[in-house]
PDB file of all heavy atoms in Angstrom:
ATOM      1  N   ALA A   1       0.831  -1.204   0.000  1.00  0.00           N
ATOM      2  CA  ALA A   1       0.000   0.000   0.000  1.00  0.00           C
ATOM      3  C   ALA A   1       0.864   1.251   0.000  1.00  0.00           C
ATOM      4  O   ALA A   1       1.982   1.255   0.519  1.00  0.00           O
ATOM      5  CB  ALA A   1      -0.922  -0.002   1.215  1.00  0.00           C
ATOM      6  N   SER A   2       0.337   2.324  -0.557  1.00  0.00           N
ATOM      7  CA  SER A   2       1.103   3.570  -0.634  1.00  0.00           C
ATOM      8  C   SER A   2       1.401   4.133   0.746  1.00  0.00           C
ATOM      9  O   SER A   2       2.392   4.859   0.927  1.00  0.00           O
ATOM     10  CB  SER A   2       0.343   4.610  -1.469  1.00  0.00           C
ATOM     11  OG  SER A   2      -0.922   4.895  -0.894  1.00  0.00           O
ATOM     12  N   ASP A   3       0.564   3.805   1.742  1.00  0.00           N
ATOM     13  CA  ASP A   3       0.827   4.298   3.090  1.00  0.00           C
ATOM     14  C   ASP A   3       1.759   3.373   3.873  1.00  0.00           C
ATOM     15  O   ASP A   3       1.814   3.400   5.098  1.00  0.00           O
ATOM     16  CB  ASP A   3      -0.482   4.520   3.874  1.00  0.00           C
ATOM     17  CG  ASP A   3      -1.256   3.247   4.124  1.00  0.00           C
ATOM     18  OD1 ASP A   3      -0.857   2.169   3.627  1.00  0.00           O
ATOM     19  OD2 ASP A   3      -2.280   3.305   4.838  1.00  0.00           O
ATOM     20  N   LYS A   4       2.505   2.567   3.127  1.00  0.00           N
ATOM     21  CA  LYS A   4       3.554   1.726   3.718  1.00  0.00           C
ATOM     22  C   LYS A   4       4.920   2.032   3.093  1.00  0.00           C
ATOM     23  O   LYS A   4       5.870   1.269   3.285  1.00  0.00           O
ATOM     24  CB  LYS A   4       3.227   0.244   3.500  1.00  0.00           C
ATOM     25  CG  LYS A   4       1.984  -0.251   4.221  1.00  0.00           C
ATOM     26  CD  LYS A   4       2.184  -0.293   5.728  1.00  0.00           C
ATOM     27  CE  LYS A   4       0.973  -0.869   6.433  1.00  0.00           C
ATOM     28  NZ  LYS A   4       1.138  -0.880   7.905  1.00  0.00           N
ATOM     29  N   ILE A   5       5.013   3.138   2.354  1.00  0.00           N
ATOM     30  CA  ILE A   5       6.246   3.440   1.626  1.00  0.00           C
ATOM     31  C   ILE A   5       6.810   4.794   2.052  1.00  0.00           C
ATOM     32  O   ILE A   5       6.095   5.798   2.079  1.00  0.00           O
ATOM     33  CB  ILE A   5       6.002   3.449   0.099  1.00  0.00           C
ATOM     34  CG1 ILE A   5       5.523   2.069  -0.374  1.00  0.00           C
ATOM     35  CG2 ILE A   5       7.263   3.874  -0.655  1.00  0.00           C
ATOM     36  CD1 ILE A   5       5.089   2.037  -1.831  1.00  0.00           C
ATOM     37  N   ILE A   6       8.090   4.798   2.388  1.00  0.00           N
ATOM     38  CA  ILE A   6       8.858   6.014   2.662  1.00  0.00           C
ATOM     39  C   ILE A   6      10.040   6.022   1.701  1.00  0.00           C
ATOM     40  O   ILE A   6      10.604   4.975   1.384  1.00  0.00           O
ATOM     41  CB  ILE A   6       9.350   6.056   4.128  1.00  0.00           C
ATOM     42  CG1 ILE A   6       8.151   6.098   5.083  1.00  0.00           C
ATOM     43  CG2 ILE A   6      10.268   7.250   4.376  1.00  0.00           C
ATOM     44  CD1 ILE A   6       8.518   5.962   6.553  1.00  0.00           C
ATOM     45  N   ILE A   7      10.416   7.193   1.222  1.00  0.00           N
ATOM     46  CA  ILE A   7      11.489   7.315   0.227  1.00  0.00           C
ATOM     47  C   ILE A   7      12.631   8.164   0.776  1.00  0.00           C
ATOM     48  O   ILE A   7      12.413   9.142   1.493  1.00  0.00           O
ATOM     49  CB  ILE A   7      10.961   7.972  -1.068  1.00  0.00           C
ATOM     50  CG1 ILE A   7       9.851   7.128  -1.704  1.00  0.00           C
ATOM     51  CG2 ILE A   7      12.097   8.217  -2.063  1.00  0.00           C
ATOM     52  CD1 ILE A   7      10.301   5.807  -2.273  1.00  0.00           C
ATOM     53  N   SER A   8      13.861   7.783   0.424  1.00  0.00           N
ATOM     54  CA  SER A   8      15.010   8.666   0.656  1.00  0.00           C
ATOM     55  C   SER A   8      15.908   8.629  -0.568  1.00  0.00           C
ATOM     56  O   SER A   8      15.969   7.628  -1.281  1.00  0.00           O
ATOM     57  CB  SER A   8      15.795   8.253   1.904  1.00  0.00           C
ATOM     58  OG  SER A   8      16.360   6.964   1.757  1.00  0.00           O
ATOM     59  N   CYS A   9      16.587   9.748  -0.837  1.00  0.00           N
ATOM     60  CA  CYS A   9      17.528   9.867  -1.960  1.00  0.00           C
ATOM     61  C   CYS A   9      18.769  10.594  -1.443  1.00  0.00           C
ATOM     62  O   CYS A   9      18.900  11.806  -1.607  1.00  0.00           O
ATOM     63  CB  CYS A   9      16.907  10.649  -3.115  1.00  0.00           C
ATOM     64  SG  CYS A   9      15.601   9.803  -4.009  1.00  0.00           S
ATOM     65  N   LYS A  10      19.661   9.865  -0.829  1.00  0.00           N
ATOM     66  CA  LYS A  10      20.769  10.500  -0.131  1.00  0.00           C
ATOM     67  C   LYS A  10      22.025  10.619  -0.992  1.00  0.00           C
ATOM     68  O   LYS A  10      22.385   9.705  -1.732  1.00  0.00           O
ATOM     69  CB  LYS A  10      21.099   9.743   1.151  1.00  0.00           C
ATOM     70  CG  LYS A  10      19.995   9.833   2.203  1.00  0.00           C
ATOM     71  CD  LYS A  10      20.465   9.267   3.529  1.00  0.00           C
ATOM     72  CE  LYS A  10      19.417   9.406   4.603  1.00  0.00           C
ATOM     73  NZ  LYS A  10      19.890   8.903   5.908  1.00  0.00           N
ATOM     74  N   MET A  11      22.677  11.783  -0.846  1.00  0.00           N
ATOM     75  CA  MET A  11      23.950  12.040  -1.493  1.00  0.00           C
ATOM     76  C   MET A  11      24.874  12.678  -0.460  1.00  0.00           C
ATOM     77  O   MET A  11      24.427  13.108   0.604  1.00  0.00           O
ATOM     78  CB  MET A  11      23.762  12.938  -2.711  1.00  0.00           C
ATOM     79  CG  MET A  11      22.769  12.377  -3.728  1.00  0.00           C
ATOM     80  SD  MET A  11      22.618  13.341  -5.248  1.00  0.00           S
ATOM     81  CE  MET A  11      24.108  12.836  -6.108  1.00  0.00           C
ATOM     82  N   SER A  12      26.170  12.765  -0.768  1.00  0.00           N
ATOM     83  CA  SER A  12      27.128  13.256   0.223  1.00  0.00           C
ATOM     84  C   SER A  12      27.513  14.719   0.019  1.00  0.00           C
ATOM     85  O   SER A  12      28.205  15.293   0.863  1.00  0.00           O
ATOM     86  CB  SER A  12      28.400  12.393   0.215  1.00  0.00           C
ATOM     87  OG  SER A  12      29.006  12.419  -1.061  1.00  0.00           O
ATOM     88  N   GLY A  13      27.069  15.333  -1.069  1.00  0.00           N
ATOM     89  CA  GLY A  13      27.343  16.747  -1.312  1.00  0.00           C
ATOM     90  C   GLY A  13      26.135  17.591  -0.946  1.00  0.00           C
ATOM     91  O   GLY A  13      24.998  17.219  -1.252  1.00  0.00           O
ATOM     92  N   VAL A  14      26.366  18.718  -0.299  1.00  0.00           N
ATOM     93  CA  VAL A  14      25.259  19.551   0.173  1.00  0.00           C
ATOM     94  C   VAL A  14      24.359  20.003  -0.975  1.00  0.00           C
ATOM     95  O   VAL A  14      23.135  19.821  -0.942  1.00  0.00           O
ATOM     96  CB  VAL A  14      25.795  20.771   0.959  1.00  0.00           C
ATOM     97  CG1 VAL A  14      24.667  21.755   1.264  1.00  0.00           C
ATOM     98  CG2 VAL A  14      26.462  20.315   2.254  1.00  0.00           C
ATOM     99  N   GLN A  15      24.946  20.604  -2.011  1.00  0.00           N
ATOM    100  CA  GLN A  15      24.130  21.092  -3.133  1.00  0.00           C
ATOM    101  C   GLN A  15      23.442  19.942  -3.856  1.00  0.00           C
ATOM    102  O   GLN A  15      22.285  20.079  -4.307  1.00  0.00           O
ATOM    103  CB  GLN A  15      25.001  21.886  -4.109  1.00  0.00           C
ATOM    104  CG  GLN A  15      25.606  23.151  -3.535  1.00  0.00           C
ATOM    105  CD  GLN A  15      24.556  24.202  -3.195  1.00  0.00           C
ATOM    106  OE1 GLN A  15      23.395  24.102  -3.595  1.00  0.00           O
ATOM    107  NE2 GLN A  15      24.955  25.220  -2.457  1.00  0.00           N
ATOM    108  N   ASP A  16      24.119  18.805  -3.959  1.00  0.00           N
ATOM    109  CA  ASP A  16      23.534  17.651  -4.644  1.00  0.00           C
ATOM    110  C   ASP A  16      22.304  17.139  -3.907  1.00  0.00           C
ATOM    111  O   ASP A  16      21.268  16.844  -4.521  1.00  0.00           O
ATOM    112  CB  ASP A  16      24.563  16.523  -4.757  1.00  0.00           C
ATOM    113  CG  ASP A  16      25.723  16.874  -5.655  1.00  0.00           C
ATOM    114  OD1 ASP A  16      25.547  17.741  -6.534  1.00  0.00           O
ATOM    115  OD2 ASP A  16      26.810  16.289  -5.482  1.00  0.00           O
ATOM    116  N   VAL A  17      22.408  17.007  -2.584  1.00  0.00           N
ATOM    117  CA  VAL A  17      21.284  16.456  -1.835  1.00  0.00           C
ATOM    118  C   VAL A  17      20.111  17.436  -1.804  1.00  0.00           C
ATOM    119  O   VAL A  17      18.947  17.032  -1.845  1.00  0.00           O
ATOM    120  CB  VAL A  17      21.733  16.033  -0.413  1.00  0.00           C
ATOM    121  CG1 VAL A  17      21.792  17.200   0.553  1.00  0.00           C
ATOM    122  CG2 VAL A  17      20.814  14.941   0.127  1.00  0.00           C
ATOM    123  N   VAL A  18      20.405  18.732  -1.779  1.00  0.00           N
ATOM    124  CA  VAL A  18      19.329  19.729  -1.870  1.00  0.00           C
ATOM    125  C   VAL A  18      18.615  19.591  -3.213  1.00  0.00           C
ATOM    126  O   VAL A  18      17.379  19.587  -3.288  1.00  0.00           O
ATOM    127  CB  VAL A  18      19.885  21.156  -1.701  1.00  0.00           C
ATOM    128  CG1 VAL A  18      18.821  22.203  -2.054  1.00  0.00           C
ATOM    129  CG2 VAL A  18      20.375  21.375  -0.269  1.00  0.00           C
ATOM    130  N   ASN A  19      19.387  19.466  -4.289  1.00  0.00           N
ATOM    131  CA  ASN A  19      18.797  19.353  -5.631  1.00  0.00           C
ATOM    132  C   ASN A  19      17.947  18.095  -5.782  1.00  0.00           C
ATOM    133  O   ASN A  19      16.837  18.139  -6.331  1.00  0.00           O
ATOM    134  CB  ASN A  19      19.902  19.362  -6.694  1.00  0.00           C
ATOM    135  CG  ASN A  19      20.490  20.739  -6.903  1.00  0.00           C
ATOM    136  OD1 ASN A  19      19.836  21.738  -6.625  1.00  0.00           O
ATOM    137  ND2 ASN A  19      21.723  20.809  -7.386  1.00  0.00           N
ATOM    138  N   VAL A  20      18.466  16.958  -5.312  1.00  0.00           N
ATOM    139  CA  VAL A  20      17.746  15.707  -5.541  1.00  0.00           C
ATOM    140  C   VAL A  20      16.457  15.660  -4.720  1.00  0.00           C
ATOM    141  O   VAL A  20      15.424  15.176  -5.213  1.00  0.00           O
ATOM    142  CB  VAL A  20      18.650  14.483  -5.253  1.00  0.00           C
ATOM    143  CG1 VAL A  20      18.814  14.216  -3.764  1.00  0.00           C
ATOM    144  CG2 VAL A  20      18.089  13.236  -5.947  1.00  0.00           C
ATOM    145  N   TYR A  21      16.469  16.204  -3.505  1.00  0.00           N
ATOM    146  CA  TYR A  21      15.235  16.200  -2.718  1.00  0.00           C
ATOM    147  C   TYR A  21      14.222  17.205  -3.261  1.00  0.00           C
ATOM    148  O   TYR A  21      13.006  16.976  -3.207  1.00  0.00           O
ATOM    149  CB  TYR A  21      15.532  16.467  -1.244  1.00  0.00           C
ATOM    150  CG  TYR A  21      15.853  15.193  -0.491  1.00  0.00           C
ATOM    151  CD1 TYR A  21      17.163  14.857  -0.177  1.00  0.00           C
ATOM    152  CD2 TYR A  21      14.840  14.321  -0.118  1.00  0.00           C
ATOM    153  CE1 TYR A  21      17.462  13.687   0.489  1.00  0.00           C
ATOM    154  CE2 TYR A  21      15.126  13.138   0.550  1.00  0.00           C
ATOM    155  CZ  TYR A  21      16.436  12.824   0.854  1.00  0.00           C
ATOM    156  OH  TYR A  21      16.727  11.650   1.509  1.00  0.00           O
ATOM    157  N   THR A  22      14.708  18.299  -3.801  1.00  0.00           N
ATOM    158  CA  THR A  22      13.794  19.260  -4.421  1.00  0.00           C
ATOM    159  C   THR A  22      13.092  18.621  -5.617  1.00  0.00           C
ATOM    160  O   THR A  22      11.886  18.808  -5.825  1.00  0.00           O
ATOM    161  CB  THR A  22      14.560  20.518  -4.860  1.00  0.00           C
ATOM    162  OG1 THR A  22      15.195  21.114  -3.711  1.00  0.00           O
ATOM    163  CG2 THR A  22      13.624  21.545  -5.482  1.00  0.00           C
ATOM    164  N   ARG A  23      13.843  17.830  -6.376  1.00  0.00           N
ATOM    165  CA  ARG A  23      13.263  17.164  -7.545  1.00  0.00           C
ATOM    166  C   ARG A  23      12.274  16.064  -7.149  1.00  0.00           C
ATOM    167  O   ARG A  23      11.172  15.985  -7.685  1.00  0.00           O
ATOM    168  CB  ARG A  23      14.378  16.557  -8.403  1.00  0.00           C
ATOM    169  CG  ARG A  23      15.303  17.574  -9.027  1.00  0.00           C
ATOM    170  CD  ARG A  23      16.334  16.890  -9.906  1.00  0.00           C
ATOM    171  NE  ARG A  23      17.337  17.825 -10.400  1.00  0.00           N
ATOM    172  CZ  ARG A  23      18.101  17.594 -11.462  1.00  0.00           C
ATOM    173  NH1 ARG A  23      17.970  16.475 -12.139  1.00  0.00           N
ATOM    174  NH2 ARG A  23      18.991  18.496 -11.851  1.00  0.00           N
ATOM    175  N   ILE A  24      12.682  15.199  -6.226  1.00  0.00           N
ATOM    176  CA  ILE A  24      11.828  14.064  -5.873  1.00  0.00           C
ATOM    177  C   ILE A  24      10.552  14.533  -5.185  1.00  0.00           C
ATOM    178  O   ILE A  24       9.494  13.924  -5.329  1.00  0.00           O
ATOM    179  CB  ILE A  24      12.595  13.050  -4.992  1.00  0.00           C
ATOM    180  CG1 ILE A  24      11.846  11.711  -4.913  1.00  0.00           C
ATOM    181  CG2 ILE A  24      12.838  13.577  -3.604  1.00  0.00           C
ATOM    182  CD1 ILE A  24      11.818  10.924  -6.181  1.00  0.00           C
ATOM    183  N   ALA A  25      10.638  15.635  -4.452  1.00  0.00           N
ATOM    184  CA  ALA A  25       9.463  16.153  -3.743  1.00  0.00           C
ATOM    185  C   ALA A  25       8.360  16.593  -4.701  1.00  0.00           C
ATOM    186  O   ALA A  25       7.184  16.623  -4.333  1.00  0.00           O
ATOM    187  CB  ALA A  25       9.869  17.322  -2.844  1.00  0.00           C
ATOM    188  N   GLU A  26       8.739  16.918  -5.923  1.00  0.00           N
ATOM    189  CA  GLU A  26       7.772  17.410  -6.907  1.00  0.00           C
ATOM    190  C   GLU A  26       7.028  16.291  -7.624  1.00  0.00           C
ATOM    191  O   GLU A  26       5.994  16.539  -8.250  1.00  0.00           O
ATOM    192  CB  GLU A  26       8.489  18.289  -7.942  1.00  0.00           C
ATOM    193  CG  GLU A  26       9.050  19.589  -7.361  1.00  0.00           C
ATOM    194  CD  GLU A  26       9.867  20.377  -8.384  1.00  0.00           C
ATOM    195  OE1 GLU A  26      10.151  19.801  -9.467  1.00  0.00           O
ATOM    196  OE2 GLU A  26      10.217  21.528  -8.106  1.00  0.00           O
ATOM    197  N   VAL A  27       7.534  15.065  -7.539  1.00  0.00           N
ATOM    198  CA  VAL A  27       6.967  14.004  -8.383  1.00  0.00           C
ATOM    199  C   VAL A  27       6.386  12.825  -7.598  1.00  0.00           C
ATOM    200  O   VAL A  27       5.826  11.911  -8.206  1.00  0.00           O
ATOM    201  CB  VAL A  27       8.026  13.478  -9.385  1.00  0.00           C
ATOM    202  CG1 VAL A  27       8.407  14.579 -10.361  1.00  0.00           C
ATOM    203  CG2 VAL A  27       9.258  12.936  -8.678  1.00  0.00           C
ATOM    204  N   ILE A  28       6.526  12.809  -6.279  1.00  0.00           N
ATOM    205  CA  ILE A  28       5.920  11.745  -5.478  1.00  0.00           C
ATOM    206  C   ILE A  28       5.238  12.370  -4.259  1.00  0.00           C
ATOM    207  O   ILE A  28       5.529  13.509  -3.892  1.00  0.00           O
ATOM    208  CB  ILE A  28       6.960  10.701  -5.002  1.00  0.00           C
ATOM    209  CG1 ILE A  28       7.986  11.347  -4.066  1.00  0.00           C
ATOM    210  CG2 ILE A  28       7.655  10.031  -6.180  1.00  0.00           C
ATOM    211  CD1 ILE A  28       8.870  10.341  -3.359  1.00  0.00           C
ATOM    212  N   ASP A  29       4.336  11.610  -3.641  1.00  0.00           N
ATOM    213  CA  ASP A  29       3.702  12.107  -2.426  1.00  0.00           C
ATOM    214  C   ASP A  29       3.943  11.192  -1.227  1.00  0.00           C
ATOM    215  O   ASP A  29       3.279  11.307  -0.201  1.00  0.00           O
ATOM    216  CB  ASP A  29       2.202  12.336  -2.630  1.00  0.00           C
ATOM    217  CG  ASP A  29       1.455  11.089  -3.081  1.00  0.00           C
ATOM    218  OD1 ASP A  29       2.096  10.019  -3.200  1.00  0.00           O
ATOM    219  OD2 ASP A  29       0.237  11.182  -3.308  1.00  0.00           O
ATOM    220  N   TYR A  30       4.913  10.279  -1.347  1.00  0.00           N
ATOM    221  CA  TYR A  30       5.310   9.485  -0.189  1.00  0.00           C
ATOM    222  C   TYR A  30       6.074  10.372   0.795  1.00  0.00           C
ATOM    223  O   TYR A  30       6.691  11.365   0.392  1.00  0.00           O
ATOM    224  CB  TYR A  30       6.231   8.331  -0.599  1.00  0.00           C
ATOM    225  CG  TYR A  30       5.697   7.431  -1.679  1.00  0.00           C
ATOM    226  CD1 TYR A  30       6.272   7.435  -2.951  1.00  0.00           C
ATOM    227  CD2 TYR A  30       4.638   6.560  -1.439  1.00  0.00           C
ATOM    228  CE1 TYR A  30       5.802   6.606  -3.958  1.00  0.00           C
ATOM    229  CE2 TYR A  30       4.163   5.723  -2.442  1.00  0.00           C
ATOM    230  CZ  TYR A  30       4.748   5.757  -3.699  1.00  0.00           C
ATOM    231  OH  TYR A  30       4.279   4.935  -4.692  1.00  0.00           O
ATOM    232  N   PRO A  31       6.063  10.036   2.082  1.00  0.00           N
ATOM    233  CA  PRO A  31       6.902  10.797   3.013  1.00  0.00           C
ATOM    234  C   PRO A  31       8.375  10.616   2.677  1.00  0.00           C
ATOM    235  O   PRO A  31       8.791   9.565   2.170  1.00  0.00           O
ATOM    236  CB  PRO A  31       6.556  10.209   4.386  1.00  0.00           C
ATOM    237  CG  PRO A  31       5.867   8.926   4.122  1.00  0.00           C
ATOM    238  CD  PRO A  31       5.256   9.015   2.762  1.00  0.00           C
ATOM    239  N   LEU A  32       9.160  11.641   2.979  1.00  0.00           N
ATOM    240  CA  LEU A  32      10.582  11.637   2.640  1.00  0.00           C
ATOM    241  C   LEU A  32      11.448  11.610   3.894  1.00  0.00           C
ATOM    242  O   LEU A  32      11.274  12.410   4.805  1.00  0.00           O
ATOM    243  CB  LEU A  32      10.932  12.872   1.810  1.00  0.00           C
ATOM    244  CG  LEU A  32      10.336  12.926   0.407  1.00  0.00           C
ATOM    245  CD1 LEU A  32      10.641  14.261  -0.254  1.00  0.00           C
ATOM    246  CD2 LEU A  32      10.853  11.768  -0.444  1.00  0.00           C
ATOM    247  N   HIS A  33      12.385  10.663   3.906  1.00  0.00           N
ATOM    248  CA  HIS A  33      13.423  10.608   4.932  1.00  0.00           C
ATOM    249  C   HIS A  33      14.615  11.385   4.383  1.00  0.00           C
ATOM    250  O   HIS A  33      15.135  11.069   3.314  1.00  0.00           O
ATOM    251  CB  HIS A  33      13.805   9.152   5.203  1.00  0.00           C
ATOM    252  CG  HIS A  33      15.026   8.994   6.057  1.00  0.00           C
ATOM    253  ND1 HIS A  33      14.983   9.023   7.429  1.00  0.00           N
ATOM    254  CD2 HIS A  33      16.328   8.804   5.736  1.00  0.00           C
ATOM    255  CE1 HIS A  33      16.199   8.854   7.920  1.00  0.00           C
ATOM    256  NE2 HIS A  33      17.035   8.721   6.896  1.00  0.00           N
ATOM    257  N   VAL A  34      15.047  12.418   5.102  1.00  0.00           N
ATOM    258  CA  VAL A  34      16.048  13.351   4.575  1.00  0.00           C
ATOM    259  C   VAL A  34      17.339  13.267   5.386  1.00  0.00           C
ATOM    260  O   VAL A  34      17.316  13.167   6.613  1.00  0.00           O
ATOM    261  CB  VAL A  34      15.505  14.799   4.608  1.00  0.00           C
ATOM    262  CG1 VAL A  34      16.553  15.784   4.118  1.00  0.00           C
ATOM    263  CG2 VAL A  34      14.245  14.906   3.754  1.00  0.00           C
ATOM    264  N   GLY A  35      18.443  13.344   4.683  1.00  0.00           N
ATOM    265  CA  GLY A  35      19.738  13.386   5.346  1.00  0.00           C
ATOM    266  C   GLY A  35      20.857  13.447   4.334  1.00  0.00           C
ATOM    267  O   GLY A  35      20.676  13.140   3.154  1.00  0.00           O
ATOM    268  N   LEU A  36      22.006  13.872   4.798  1.00  0.00           N
ATOM    269  CA  LEU A  36      23.222  13.903   3.991  1.00  0.00           C
ATOM    270  C   LEU A  36      23.996  12.638   4.309  1.00  0.00           C
ATOM    271  O   LEU A  36      24.448  12.448   5.443  1.00  0.00           O
ATOM    272  CB  LEU A  36      24.045  15.145   4.347  1.00  0.00           C
ATOM    273  CG  LEU A  36      25.283  15.440   3.501  1.00  0.00           C
ATOM    274  CD1 LEU A  36      24.887  15.957   2.124  1.00  0.00           C
ATOM    275  CD2 LEU A  36      26.162  16.467   4.208  1.00  0.00           C
ATOM    276  N   THR A  37      24.131  11.747   3.349  1.00  0.00           N
ATOM    277  CA  THR A  37      24.830  10.499   3.625  1.00  0.00           C
ATOM    278  C   THR A  37      26.331  10.746   3.742  1.00  0.00           C
ATOM    279  O   THR A  37      26.878  11.655   3.121  1.00  0.00           O
ATOM    280  CB  THR A  37      24.547   9.450   2.530  1.00  0.00           C
ATOM    281  OG1 THR A  37      25.004   8.170   2.973  1.00  0.00           O
ATOM    282  CG2 THR A  37      25.228   9.796   1.219  1.00  0.00           C
ATOM    283  N   GLU A  38      26.973   9.934   4.578  1.00  0.00           N
ATOM    284  CA  GLU A  38      28.434  10.040   4.743  1.00  0.00           C
ATOM    285  C   GLU A  38      28.849  11.489   4.984  1.00  0.00           C
ATOM    286  O   GLU A  38      29.761  12.018   4.332  1.00  0.00           O
ATOM    287  CB  GLU A  38      29.145   9.484   3.506  1.00  0.00           C
ATOM    288  CG  GLU A  38      28.845   8.005   3.260  1.00  0.00           C
ATOM    289  CD  GLU A  38      28.628   7.681   1.787  1.00  0.00           C
ATOM    290  OE1 GLU A  38      28.832   8.564   0.949  1.00  0.00           O
ATOM    291  OE2 GLU A  38      28.232   6.547   1.495  1.00  0.00           O
ATOM    292  N   ALA A  39      28.192  12.127   5.942  1.00  0.00           N
ATOM    293  CA  ALA A  39      28.415  13.558   6.188  1.00  0.00           C
ATOM    294  C   ALA A  39      29.833  13.856   6.650  1.00  0.00           C
ATOM    295  O   ALA A  39      30.356  14.945   6.404  1.00  0.00           O
ATOM    296  CB  ALA A  39      27.410  14.069   7.225  1.00  0.00           C
ATOM    297  N   GLY A  40      30.460  12.892   7.330  1.00  0.00           N
ATOM    298  CA  GLY A  40      31.820  13.106   7.804  1.00  0.00           C
ATOM    299  C   GLY A  40      31.889  13.170   9.318  1.00  0.00           C
ATOM    300  O   GLY A  40      30.924  12.924  10.029  1.00  0.00           O
TER     301      GLY A  40
END
């Protein structure tokens, strides 16, 4: 079911992760788990 799905699209660059979440937020309505992977 759609209410059983959460999405994340993690990247390690600040601008990259901002861009990818901005894009994915426009095309899906699942909840988003957000974070910078391998932040350091």
